[in-house]
C-alpha atoms as a PDB file:
ATOM      1  CA  MET A   1     105.243  93.783 101.129  1.00  0.00           C
ATOM      2  CA  PHE A   2     108.856  93.036 100.289  1.00  0.00           C
ATOM      3  CA  GLU A   3     111.427  93.188 103.073  1.00  0.00           C
ATOM      4  CA  SER A   4     113.559  95.371 100.779  1.00  0.00           C
ATOM      5  CA  MET A   5     111.049  98.209 100.875  1.00  0.00           C
ATOM      6  CA  ALA A   6     112.031  98.745 104.508  1.00  0.00           C
ATOM      7  CA  LEU A   7     115.773  98.751 103.783  1.00  0.00           C
ATOM      8  CA  GLY A   8     117.356 102.170 103.956  1.00  0.00           C
ATOM      9  CA  ASP A   9     120.730 103.054 102.475  1.00  0.00           C
ATOM     10  CA  ASP A  10     122.566 102.248 105.722  1.00  0.00           C
ATOM     11  CA  ALA A  11     121.042  98.759 105.890  1.00  0.00           C
ATOM     12  CA  ILE A  12     121.842  98.118 102.229  1.00  0.00           C
ATOM     13  CA  LEU A  13     125.446  99.259 102.687  1.00  0.00           C
ATOM     14  CA  ASP A  14     125.773  97.079 105.805  1.00  0.00           C
ATOM     15  CA  ARG A  15     124.607  94.090 103.765  1.00  0.00           C
ATOM     16  CA  ILE A  16     127.233  94.864 101.134  1.00  0.00           C
ATOM     17  CA  ARG A  17     129.934  95.165 103.812  1.00  0.00           C
ATOM     18  CA  SER A  18     129.011  91.631 104.949  1.00  0.00           C
ATOM     19  CA  ILE A  19     130.077  90.100 101.607  1.00  0.00           C
ATOM     20  CA  PRO A  20     133.432  88.414 102.288  1.00  0.00           C
ATOM     21  CA  ARG A  21     136.582  89.146 100.320  1.00  0.00           C
ATOM     22  CA  GLY A  22     136.820  86.844  97.297  1.00  0.00           C
ATOM     23  CA  ARG A  23     133.041  86.375  97.088  1.00  0.00           C
ATOM     24  CA  VAL A  24     130.185  88.221  95.379  1.00  0.00           C
ATOM     25  CA  SER A  25     126.434  88.705  95.682  1.00  0.00           C
ATOM     26  CA  SER A  26     123.939  90.115  93.211  1.00  0.00           C
ATOM     27  CA  TYR A  27     121.997  93.364  93.437  1.00  0.00           C
ATOM     28  CA  GLY A  28     118.877  91.267  94.022  1.00  0.00           C
ATOM     29  CA  ASP A  29     120.547  89.402  96.888  1.00  0.00           C
ATOM     30  CA  VAL A  30     121.488  92.685  98.527  1.00  0.00           C
ATOM     31  CA  CYS A  31     117.992  94.124  98.191  1.00  0.00           C
ATOM     32  CA  PRO A  32     115.463  91.340  97.466  1.00  0.00           C
ATOM     33  CA  GLY A  33     112.601  92.470  95.280  1.00  0.00           C
ATOM     34  CA  ALA A  34     114.267  95.784  94.471  1.00  0.00           C
ATOM     35  CA  PRO A  35     117.735  95.314  92.947  1.00  0.00           C
ATOM     36  CA  ARG A  36     117.732  98.836  91.521  1.00  0.00           C
ATOM     37  CA  ARG A  37     117.402 100.128  95.073  1.00  0.00           C
ATOM     38  CA  ALA A  38     120.768  98.508  95.876  1.00  0.00           C
ATOM     39  CA  GLY A  39     122.279 100.167  92.811  1.00  0.00           C
ATOM     40  CA  ALA A  40     120.900 103.544  93.830  1.00  0.00           C
ATOM     41  CA  ALA A  41     122.342 103.205  97.336  1.00  0.00           C
ATOM     42  CA  LEU A  42     125.748 102.299  95.902  1.00  0.00           C
ATOM     43  CA  SER A  43     125.737 105.108  93.354  1.00  0.00           C
ATOM     44  CA  SER A  44     125.227 107.716  96.074  1.00  0.00           C
ATOM     45  CA  CYS A  45     127.817 106.195  98.436  1.00  0.00           C
ATOM     46  CA  ALA A  46     131.292 107.703  98.819  1.00  0.00           C
ATOM     47  CA  ASP A  47     132.282 105.521 101.794  1.00  0.00           C
ATOM     48  CA  GLU A  48     135.478 103.668 100.884  1.00  0.00           C
ATOM     49  CA  SER A  49     134.724 100.937 103.434  1.00  0.00           C
ATOM     50  CA  VAL A  50     131.916  99.660 101.194  1.00  0.00           C
ATOM     51  CA  PRO A  51     133.233  96.914  98.870  1.00  0.00           C
ATOM     52  CA  TRP A  52     131.035  97.960  95.938  1.00  0.00           C
ATOM     53  CA  GLN A  53     132.929  95.703  93.543  1.00  0.00           C
ATOM     54  CA  ARG A  54     131.485  92.602  95.250  1.00  0.00           C
ATOM     55  CA  VAL A  55     127.976  93.379  93.980  1.00  0.00           C
ATOM     56  CA  VAL A  56     127.397  92.059  90.463  1.00  0.00           C
ATOM     57  CA  ARG A  57     124.434  91.359  88.216  1.00  0.00           C
ATOM     58  CA  ALA A  58     122.623  88.057  88.744  1.00  0.00           C
ATOM     59  CA  ASP A  59     124.231  86.573  85.634  1.00  0.00           C
ATOM     60  CA  GLY A  60     127.727  87.467  86.875  1.00  0.00           C
ATOM     61  CA  SER A  61     128.208  90.385  84.511  1.00  0.00           C
ATOM     62  CA  LEU A  62     129.835  93.547  85.804  1.00  0.00           C
ATOM     63  CA  ALA A  63     128.172  96.940  86.020  1.00  0.00           C
ATOM     64  CA  LYS A  64     131.512  98.767  86.280  1.00  0.00           C
ATOM     65  CA  GLY A  65     133.525  96.873  83.674  1.00  0.00           C
ATOM     66  CA  GLU A  66     137.300  96.538  83.785  1.00  0.00           C
ATOM     67  CA  ARG A  67     137.795  98.524  86.992  1.00  0.00           C
ATOM     68  CA  GLN A  68     135.454  96.192  88.841  1.00  0.00           C
ATOM     69  CA  ARG A  69     137.052  93.138  87.251  1.00  0.00           C
ATOM     70  CA  ARG A  70     140.570  94.200  88.327  1.00  0.00           C
ATOM     71  CA  LEU A  71     139.428  94.636  91.930  1.00  0.00           C
ATOM     72  CA  LEU A  72     137.625  91.285  91.979  1.00  0.00           C
ATOM     73  CA  GLU A  73     140.538  89.441  90.372  1.00  0.00           C
ATOM     74  CA  ALA A  74     142.845  90.926  93.021  1.00  0.00           C
ATOM     75  CA  GLU A  75     140.563  89.323  95.629  1.00  0.00           C
ATOM     76  CA  GLY A  76     140.730  85.959  93.867  1.00  0.00           C
ATOM     77  CA  VAL A  77     137.178  85.956  92.466  1.00  0.00           C
ATOM     78  CA  PRO A  78     136.974  83.399  89.615  1.00  0.00           C
ATOM     79  CA  PHE A  79     135.704  84.363  86.170  1.00  0.00           C
ATOM     80  CA  ARG A  80     134.301  82.455  83.199  1.00  0.00           C
ATOM     81  CA  GLY A  81     135.025  84.698  80.267  1.00  0.00           C
ATOM     82  CA  ALA A  82     133.720  88.202  80.966  1.00  0.00           C
ATOM     83  CA  ARG A  83     131.495  87.131  83.874  1.00  0.00           C
ATOM     84  CA  VAL A  84     132.054  86.130  87.470  1.00  0.00           C
ATOM     85  CA  ASP A  85     131.721  82.379  87.948  1.00  0.00           C
ATOM     86  CA  MET A  86     128.642  82.646  90.163  1.00  0.00           C
ATOM     87  CA  ARG A  87     128.682  78.940  91.039  1.00  0.00           C
ATOM     88  CA  ALA A  88     132.114  79.342  92.585  1.00  0.00           C
ATOM     89  CA  ALA A  89     132.000  82.920  93.909  1.00  0.00           C
ATOM     90  CA  TRP A  90     128.416  83.613  95.003  1.00  0.00           C
ATOM     91  CA  THR A  91     127.574  83.924  98.683  1.00  0.00           C
ATOM     92  CA  ALA A  92     124.395  84.735 100.553  1.00  0.00           C
ATOM     93  CA  VAL A  93     124.207  88.217 102.031  1.00  0.00           C
ATOM     94  CA  GLY A  94     124.100  88.568 105.794  1.00  0.00           C
ATOM     95  CA  GLY A  95     122.074  91.147 107.487  1.00  0.00           C
END
């Protein structure tokens, strides 16, 4: 059984909070084996302490478009065209 099956919303949000400023992780990194579970936890979260913008798709594309891009650029996250430069900005998720 995947470790992610045991992750509740609080654990997922804690993993997202562990992503440092200026770095990103993918939905699959946040919730291995169940990336949609990470998206569901984020979509139901209203806690402003959760840096939702730091979670991107595995290919570096953005789920929340220009708003997400502005926030990431303000943190110094590098882009290659429309996508985050995952080689430069990706980090493993703690937790």
